[in-house]
All heavy atoms as atom14 arrays in JSON, in Angstrom:
{
  "sequence": "GLIQLIGTPVLVTHMMVDEHKKFAKVKAEDLLSAIQE",
  "atom14_mask": [
    [1, 1, 1, 1, 0, 0, 0, 0, 0, 0, 0, 0, 0, 0],
    [1, 1, 1, 1, 1, 1, 1, 1, 0, 0, 0, 0, 0, 0],
    [1, 1, 1, 1, 1, 1, 1, 1, 0, 0, 0, 0, 0, 0],
    [1, 1, 1, 1, 1, 1, 1, 1, 1, 0, 0, 0, 0, 0],
    [1, 1, 1, 1, 1, 1, 1, 1, 0, 0, 0, 0, 0, 0],
    [1, 1, 1, 1, 1, 1, 1, 1, 0, 0, 0, 0, 0, 0],
    [1, 1, 1, 1, 0, 0, 0, 0, 0, 0, 0, 0, 0, 0],
    [1, 1, 1, 1, 1, 1, 1, 0, 0, 0, 0, 0, 0, 0],
    [1, 1, 1, 1, 1, 1, 1, 0, 0, 0, 0, 0, 0, 0],
    [1, 1, 1, 1, 1, 1, 1, 0, 0, 0, 0, 0, 0, 0],
    [1, 1, 1, 1, 1, 1, 1, 1, 0, 0, 0, 0, 0, 0],
    [1, 1, 1, 1, 1, 1, 1, 0, 0, 0, 0, 0, 0, 0],
    [1, 1, 1, 1, 1, 1, 1, 0, 0, 0, 0, 0, 0, 0],
    [1, 1, 1, 1, 1, 1, 1, 1, 1, 1, 0, 0, 0, 0],
    [1, 1, 1, 1, 1, 1, 1, 1, 0, 0, 0, 0, 0, 0],
    [1, 1, 1, 1, 1, 1, 1, 1, 0, 0, 0, 0, 0, 0],
    [1, 1, 1, 1, 1, 1, 1, 0, 0, 0, 0, 0, 0, 0],
    [1, 1, 1, 1, 1, 1, 1, 1, 0, 0, 0, 0, 0, 0],
    [1, 1, 1, 1, 1, 1, 1, 1, 1, 0, 0, 0, 0, 0],
    [1, 1, 1, 1, 1, 1, 1, 1, 1, 1, 0, 0, 0, 0],
    [1, 1, 1, 1, 1, 1, 1, 1, 1, 0, 0, 0, 0, 0],
    [1, 1, 1, 1, 1, 1, 1, 1, 1, 0, 0, 0, 0, 0],
    [1, 1, 1, 1, 1, 1, 1, 1, 1, 1, 1, 0, 0, 0],
    [1, 1, 1, 1, 1, 0, 0, 0, 0, 0, 0, 0, 0, 0],
    [1, 1, 1, 1, 1, 1, 1, 1, 1, 0, 0, 0, 0, 0],
    [1, 1, 1, 1, 1, 1, 1, 0, 0, 0, 0, 0, 0, 0],
    [1, 1, 1, 1, 1, 1, 1, 1, 1, 0, 0, 0, 0, 0],
    [1, 1, 1, 1, 1, 0, 0, 0, 0, 0, 0, 0, 0, 0],
    [1, 1, 1, 1, 1, 1, 1, 1, 1, 0, 0, 0, 0, 0],
    [1, 1, 1, 1, 1, 1, 1, 1, 0, 0, 0, 0, 0, 0],
    [1, 1, 1, 1, 1, 1, 1, 1, 0, 0, 0, 0, 0, 0],
    [1, 1, 1, 1, 1, 1, 1, 1, 0, 0, 0, 0, 0, 0],
    [1, 1, 1, 1, 1, 1, 0, 0, 0, 0, 0, 0, 0, 0],
    [1, 1, 1, 1, 1, 0, 0, 0, 0, 0, 0, 0, 0, 0],
    [1, 1, 1, 1, 1, 1, 1, 1, 0, 0, 0, 0, 0, 0],
    [1, 1, 1, 1, 1, 1, 1, 1, 1, 0, 0, 0, 0, 0],
    [1, 1, 1, 1, 1, 1, 1, 1, 1, 0, 0, 0, 0, 0]
  ],
  "atom14_positions": [
    [[0.84, -1.26, 0.02], [-0.02, -0.08, 0.03], [0.94, 1.33, 0.0], [0.54, 2.29, -0.58], [0.0, 0.0, 0.0], [0.0, 0.0, 0.0], [0.0, 0.0, 0.0], [0.0, 0.0, 0.0], [0.0, 0.0, 0.0], [0.0, 0.0, 0.0], [0.0, 0.0, 0.0], [0.0, 0.0, 0.0], [0.0, 0.0, 0.0], [0.0, 0.0, 0.0]],
    [[1.98, 1.19, 0.68], [2.88, 2.41, 0.74], [3.5, 2.62, -0.67], [3.64, 3.74, -1.14], [3.89, 2.14, 1.86], [4.94, 3.38, 1.95], [4.13, 4.64, 2.25], [5.89, 3.03, 2.96], [0.0, 0.0, 0.0], [0.0, 0.0, 0.0], [0.0, 0.0, 0.0], [0.0, 0.0, 0.0], [0.0, 0.0, 0.0], [0.0, 0.0, 0.0]],
    [[3.76, 1.49, -1.25], [4.52, 1.49, -2.65], [3.52, 2.15, -3.53], [3.88, 3.12, -4.37], [5.0, 0.23, -3.09], [6.11, -0.39, -2.32], [5.43, 0.27, -4.55], [7.45, 0.39, -2.37], [0.0, 0.0, 0.0], [0.0, 0.0, 0.0], [0.0, 0.0, 0.0], [0.0, 0.0, 0.0], [0.0, 0.0, 0.0], [0.0, 0.0, 0.0]],
    [[2.18, 1.8, -3.51], [1.25, 2.38, -4.35], [0.99, 3.78, -3.99], [0.77, 4.65, -5.03], [-0.12, 1.59, -4.18], [0.0, 0.19, -4.83], [-1.28, -0.56, -4.39], [-2.34, -0.07, -3.79], [-1.45, -1.77, -4.95], [0.0, 0.0, 0.0], [0.0, 0.0, 0.0], [0.0, 0.0, 0.0], [0.0, 0.0, 0.0], [0.0, 0.0, 0.0]],
    [[1.16, 4.15, -2.83], [0.92, 5.64, -2.47], [2.11, 6.59, -3.02], [1.84, 7.59, -3.5], [0.96, 5.72, -0.93], [0.76, 7.16, -0.29], [-0.58, 7.77, -0.67], [1.08, 7.09, 1.21], [0.0, 0.0, 0.0], [0.0, 0.0, 0.0], [0.0, 0.0, 0.0], [0.0, 0.0, 0.0], [0.0, 0.0, 0.0], [0.0, 0.0, 0.0]],
    [[3.37, 6.02, -2.83], [4.5, 6.86, -3.2], [4.82, 6.83, -4.72], [5.56, 7.49, -5.25], [5.74, 6.7, -2.31], [6.23, 5.3, -2.54], [5.45, 7.03, -0.9], [7.56, 5.0, -1.81], [0.0, 0.0, 0.0], [0.0, 0.0, 0.0], [0.0, 0.0, 0.0], [0.0, 0.0, 0.0], [0.0, 0.0, 0.0], [0.0, 0.0, 0.0]],
    [[4.35, 5.74, -5.34], [4.72, 5.46, -6.83], [6.17, 4.87, -6.78], [6.59, 4.09, -5.89], [0.0, 0.0, 0.0], [0.0, 0.0, 0.0], [0.0, 0.0, 0.0], [0.0, 0.0, 0.0], [0.0, 0.0, 0.0], [0.0, 0.0, 0.0], [0.0, 0.0, 0.0], [0.0, 0.0, 0.0], [0.0, 0.0, 0.0], [0.0, 0.0, 0.0]],
    [[6.96, 4.93, -7.83], [8.2, 4.52, -7.97], [9.19, 5.3, -7.16], [9.35, 6.49, -7.33], [8.76, 4.58, -9.49], [7.83, 3.84, -10.21], [10.1, 3.96, -9.57], [0.0, 0.0, 0.0], [0.0, 0.0, 0.0], [0.0, 0.0, 0.0], [0.0, 0.0, 0.0], [0.0, 0.0, 0.0], [0.0, 0.0, 0.0], [0.0, 0.0, 0.0]],
    [[9.84, 4.75, -6.05], [10.66, 5.43, -5.19], [11.95, 5.73, -5.93], [12.58, 5.08, -6.64], [11.02, 4.35, -4.05], [10.02, 3.27, -4.13], [9.54, 3.31, -5.63], [0.0, 0.0, 0.0], [0.0, 0.0, 0.0], [0.0, 0.0, 0.0], [0.0, 0.0, 0.0], [0.0, 0.0, 0.0], [0.0, 0.0, 0.0], [0.0, 0.0, 0.0]],
    [[12.43, 6.98, -5.73], [13.59, 7.55, -6.37], [14.55, 7.74, -5.21], [14.44, 8.59, -4.29], [13.31, 8.82, -7.1], [14.54, 9.44, -7.64], [12.19, 8.56, -8.16], [0.0, 0.0, 0.0], [0.0, 0.0, 0.0], [0.0, 0.0, 0.0], [0.0, 0.0, 0.0], [0.0, 0.0, 0.0], [0.0, 0.0, 0.0], [0.0, 0.0, 0.0]],
    [[15.8, 7.16, -5.34], [16.76, 7.23, -4.24], [17.4, 8.59, -4.26], [17.74, 9.22, -5.28], [17.88, 6.33, -4.51], [19.12, 6.34, -3.52], [18.63, 5.95, -2.14], [20.3, 5.55, -3.98], [0.0, 0.0, 0.0], [0.0, 0.0, 0.0], [0.0, 0.0, 0.0], [0.0, 0.0, 0.0], [0.0, 0.0, 0.0], [0.0, 0.0, 0.0]],
    [[17.28, 9.27, -3.05], [17.91, 10.7, -2.89], [19.24, 10.55, -2.3], [20.22, 11.05, -2.86], [16.94, 11.5, -1.91], [17.61, 12.84, -1.55], [15.49, 11.59, -2.5], [0.0, 0.0, 0.0], [0.0, 0.0, 0.0], [0.0, 0.0, 0.0], [0.0, 0.0, 0.0], [0.0, 0.0, 0.0], [0.0, 0.0, 0.0], [0.0, 0.0, 0.0]],
    [[19.58, 9.71, -1.26], [20.79, 9.65, -0.57], [20.79, 8.48, 0.45], [19.74, 7.97, 0.81], [21.23, 10.94, 0.09], [22.58, 10.93, 0.42], [20.36, 11.27, 1.37], [0.0, 0.0, 0.0], [0.0, 0.0, 0.0], [0.0, 0.0, 0.0], [0.0, 0.0, 0.0], [0.0, 0.0, 0.0], [0.0, 0.0, 0.0], [0.0, 0.0, 0.0]],
    [[22.06, 8.17, 0.93], [22.14, 7.29, 2.04], [22.95, 8.15, 3.1], [23.8, 9.08, 2.66], [23.09, 6.12, 1.69], [22.66, 5.34, 0.5], [21.62, 4.49, 0.67], [23.1, 5.11, -0.73], [21.33, 3.9, -0.47], [22.24, 4.14, -1.29], [0.0, 0.0, 0.0], [0.0, 0.0, 0.0], [0.0, 0.0, 0.0], [0.0, 0.0, 0.0]],
    [[22.73, 7.9, 4.35], [23.42, 8.7, 5.39], [23.47, 8.03, 6.7], [22.4, 7.13, 6.93], [22.9, 10.15, 5.45], [21.5, 10.14, 6.13], [20.9, 11.84, 6.69], [21.08, 12.73, 5.03], [0.0, 0.0, 0.0], [0.0, 0.0, 0.0], [0.0, 0.0, 0.0], [0.0, 0.0, 0.0], [0.0, 0.0, 0.0], [0.0, 0.0, 0.0]],
    [[24.41, 8.18, 7.46], [24.42, 7.72, 8.92], [23.72, 8.81, 9.67], [23.9, 9.92, 9.67], [25.95, 7.71, 9.33], [26.02, 7.06, 10.84], [25.46, 5.3, 10.96], [26.72, 4.44, 9.99], [0.0, 0.0, 0.0], [0.0, 0.0, 0.0], [0.0, 0.0, 0.0], [0.0, 0.0, 0.0], [0.0, 0.0, 0.0], [0.0, 0.0, 0.0]],
    [[22.82, 8.18, 10.51], [21.98, 8.99, 11.4], [22.12, 8.57, 12.87], [22.07, 7.39, 13.2], [20.49, 8.94, 11.0], [19.57, 9.82, 11.91], [20.3, 9.46, 9.61], [0.0, 0.0, 0.0], [0.0, 0.0, 0.0], [0.0, 0.0, 0.0], [0.0, 0.0, 0.0], [0.0, 0.0, 0.0], [0.0, 0.0, 0.0], [0.0, 0.0, 0.0]],
    [[22.31, 9.53, 13.76], [22.23, 9.17, 15.14], [21.18, 10.31, 15.68], [20.56, 11.07, 15.01], [23.57, 9.2, 16.01], [24.21, 10.62, 15.9], [23.43, 11.64, 15.61], [25.48, 10.7, 16.08], [0.0, 0.0, 0.0], [0.0, 0.0, 0.0], [0.0, 0.0, 0.0], [0.0, 0.0, 0.0], [0.0, 0.0, 0.0], [0.0, 0.0, 0.0]],
    [[20.99, 10.12, 17.08], [20.0, 11.05, 17.68], [20.28, 12.55, 17.7], [19.46, 13.31, 17.97], [19.61, 10.59, 19.2], [20.78, 10.59, 20.09], [21.77, 9.39, 20.05], [21.39, 8.46, 19.27], [22.7, 9.27, 20.81], [0.0, 0.0, 0.0], [0.0, 0.0, 0.0], [0.0, 0.0, 0.0], [0.0, 0.0, 0.0], [0.0, 0.0, 0.0]],
    [[21.5, 12.8, 17.35], [21.82, 14.26, 17.3], [21.83, 14.95, 15.93], [21.98, 16.15, 15.81], [23.3, 14.41, 17.88], [23.54, 13.84, 19.15], [22.92, 14.42, 20.4], [24.16, 12.73, 19.63], [23.16, 13.71, 21.34], [23.97, 12.69, 20.99], [0.0, 0.0, 0.0], [0.0, 0.0, 0.0], [0.0, 0.0, 0.0], [0.0, 0.0, 0.0]],
    [[21.48, 14.15, 14.83], [21.48, 14.56, 13.55], [20.28, 15.49, 13.43], [19.22, 15.36, 13.89], [21.26, 13.45, 12.56], [21.03, 13.87, 11.12], [22.4, 14.07, 10.51], [22.24, 14.39, 8.96], [23.28, 15.19, 8.47], [0.0, 0.0, 0.0], [0.0, 0.0, 0.0], [0.0, 0.0, 0.0], [0.0, 0.0, 0.0], [0.0, 0.0, 0.0]],
    [[20.46, 16.66, 12.72], [19.37, 17.64, 12.52], [18.68, 17.46, 11.21], [19.29, 17.23, 10.1], [20.04, 19.07, 12.54], [20.74, 19.38, 13.79], [19.71, 19.63, 14.92], [20.57, 20.07, 16.16], [19.81, 20.12, 17.36], [0.0, 0.0, 0.0], [0.0, 0.0, 0.0], [0.0, 0.0, 0.0], [0.0, 0.0, 0.0], [0.0, 0.0, 0.0]],
    [[17.35, 17.52, 11.34], [16.53, 17.31, 10.03], [15.55, 18.51, 10.18], [15.17, 19.04, 11.28], [15.66, 16.0, 10.05], [16.51, 14.79, 9.65], [17.05, 14.06, 10.64], [16.74, 14.51, 8.42], [17.85, 12.84, 10.45], [17.56, 13.33, 8.08], [18.02, 12.53, 9.13], [0.0, 0.0, 0.0], [0.0, 0.0, 0.0], [0.0, 0.0, 0.0]],
    [[15.07, 18.96, 9.01], [14.12, 20.12, 9.0], [12.75, 19.76, 9.58], [12.13, 20.65, 10.21], [14.0, 20.76, 7.71], [0.0, 0.0, 0.0], [0.0, 0.0, 0.0], [0.0, 0.0, 0.0], [0.0, 0.0, 0.0], [0.0, 0.0, 0.0], [0.0, 0.0, 0.0], [0.0, 0.0, 0.0], [0.0, 0.0, 0.0], [0.0, 0.0, 0.0]],
    [[12.2, 18.61, 9.27], [10.81, 18.34, 9.55], [10.66, 17.14, 10.51], [9.4, 16.82, 10.91], [10.03, 18.06, 8.28], [10.1, 19.26, 7.43], [9.15, 18.92, 6.09], [9.2, 20.23, 5.32], [8.07, 20.38, 4.41], [0.0, 0.0, 0.0], [0.0, 0.0, 0.0], [0.0, 0.0, 0.0], [0.0, 0.0, 0.0], [0.0, 0.0, 0.0]],
    [[11.7, 16.55, 11.09], [11.45, 15.53, 12.0], [12.7, 15.45, 12.95], [13.72, 15.8, 12.55], [11.37, 14.19, 11.27], [12.62, 13.84, 10.53], [10.94, 13.01, 12.12], [0.0, 0.0, 0.0], [0.0, 0.0, 0.0], [0.0, 0.0, 0.0], [0.0, 0.0, 0.0], [0.0, 0.0, 0.0], [0.0, 0.0, 0.0], [0.0, 0.0, 0.0]],
    [[12.35, 15.03, 14.16], [13.46, 14.75, 15.15], [14.13, 13.48, 14.79], [13.47, 12.5, 14.54], [12.87, 14.73, 16.58], [12.4, 16.05, 17.09], [11.86, 15.93, 18.47], [11.27, 17.19, 19.0], [10.82, 17.13, 20.37], [0.0, 0.0, 0.0], [0.0, 0.0, 0.0], [0.0, 0.0, 0.0], [0.0, 0.0, 0.0], [0.0, 0.0, 0.0]],
    [[15.46, 13.47, 14.87], [16.09, 12.26, 14.58], [15.7, 11.02, 15.38], [15.6, 9.8, 14.98], [17.68, 12.37, 14.64], [0.0, 0.0, 0.0], [0.0, 0.0, 0.0], [0.0, 0.0, 0.0], [0.0, 0.0, 0.0], [0.0, 0.0, 0.0], [0.0, 0.0, 0.0], [0.0, 0.0, 0.0], [0.0, 0.0, 0.0], [0.0, 0.0, 0.0]],
    [[15.5, 11.3, 16.71], [14.92, 10.31, 17.64], [13.66, 9.76, 17.21], [13.48, 8.45, 17.08], [14.62, 10.81, 19.07], [15.91, 11.34, 19.78], [15.64, 12.12, 20.99], [14.26, 12.52, 21.13], [16.54, 12.38, 21.71], [0.0, 0.0, 0.0], [0.0, 0.0, 0.0], [0.0, 0.0, 0.0], [0.0, 0.0, 0.0], [0.0, 0.0, 0.0]],
    [[12.71, 10.35, 16.68], [11.52, 9.99, 16.11], [11.64, 9.19, 14.88], [10.99, 8.1, 14.69], [10.48, 11.22, 15.84], [10.2, 11.9, 17.21], [10.34, 11.22, 18.28], [9.67, 13.0, 17.07], [0.0, 0.0, 0.0], [0.0, 0.0, 0.0], [0.0, 0.0, 0.0], [0.0, 0.0, 0.0], [0.0, 0.0, 0.0], [0.0, 0.0, 0.0]],
    [[12.46, 9.63, 14.02], [12.76, 8.96, 12.83], [13.35, 7.58, 13.07], [12.92, 6.63, 12.5], [13.75, 9.76, 11.89], [14.12, 9.22, 10.54], [14.01, 10.31, 9.53], [15.52, 8.73, 10.56], [0.0, 0.0, 0.0], [0.0, 0.0, 0.0], [0.0, 0.0, 0.0], [0.0, 0.0, 0.0], [0.0, 0.0, 0.0], [0.0, 0.0, 0.0]],
    [[14.3, 7.57, 13.85], [15.04, 6.27, 14.24], [14.05, 5.32, 14.88], [14.06, 4.08, 14.55], [16.24, 6.46, 15.13], [17.41, 7.2, 14.37], [18.51, 7.66, 15.38], [18.04, 6.37, 13.25], [0.0, 0.0, 0.0], [0.0, 0.0, 0.0], [0.0, 0.0, 0.0], [0.0, 0.0, 0.0], [0.0, 0.0, 0.0], [0.0, 0.0, 0.0]],
    [[13.17, 5.77, 15.8], [12.24, 4.98, 16.5], [11.19, 4.34, 15.49], [10.85, 3.26, 15.49], [11.37, 5.78, 17.45], [12.25, 6.05, 18.57], [0.0, 0.0, 0.0], [0.0, 0.0, 0.0], [0.0, 0.0, 0.0], [0.0, 0.0, 0.0], [0.0, 0.0, 0.0], [0.0, 0.0, 0.0], [0.0, 0.0, 0.0], [0.0, 0.0, 0.0]],
    [[10.75, 5.2, 14.53], [9.79, 4.58, 13.52], [10.33, 3.7, 12.6], [9.71, 2.6, 12.32], [9.26, 5.88, 12.68], [0.0, 0.0, 0.0], [0.0, 0.0, 0.0], [0.0, 0.0, 0.0], [0.0, 0.0, 0.0], [0.0, 0.0, 0.0], [0.0, 0.0, 0.0], [0.0, 0.0, 0.0], [0.0, 0.0, 0.0], [0.0, 0.0, 0.0]],
    [[11.66, 3.93, 12.29], [12.24, 2.86, 11.35], [12.47, 1.54, 12.14], [12.25, 0.46, 11.56], [13.61, 3.29, 10.92], [13.54, 4.5, 9.99], [14.39, 2.29, 10.13], [14.65, 5.26, 9.4], [0.0, 0.0, 0.0], [0.0, 0.0, 0.0], [0.0, 0.0, 0.0], [0.0, 0.0, 0.0], [0.0, 0.0, 0.0], [0.0, 0.0, 0.0]],
    [[12.81, 1.67, 13.43], [12.89, 0.37, 14.21], [11.59, -0.33, 14.49], [11.6, -1.53, 14.38], [13.52, 0.76, 15.69], [14.93, 0.46, 15.84], [15.46, 0.56, 17.21], [14.95, 1.38, 17.99], [16.36, -0.18, 17.56], [0.0, 0.0, 0.0], [0.0, 0.0, 0.0], [0.0, 0.0, 0.0], [0.0, 0.0, 0.0], [0.0, 0.0, 0.0]],
    [[10.49, 0.48, 14.66], [9.24, -0.15, 15.04], [8.51, -0.66, 13.85], [7.9, -1.72, 13.69], [8.36, 0.9, 15.82], [8.97, 1.19, 17.18], [8.12, 2.25, 17.9], [7.05, 2.68, 17.43], [8.79, 2.75, 18.88], [0.0, 0.0, 0.0], [0.0, 0.0, 0.0], [0.0, 0.0, 0.0], [0.0, 0.0, 0.0], [0.0, 0.0, 0.0]]
  ]
}
């Protein structure tokens, strides 16, 4: 269902993330938790 929603995923980048990484629209802690869960 997610693939249908986003269409063909286009790779933007790879990166190392820890809880101190700054993102404009999400806290790194929330991002990492969501990926884990």
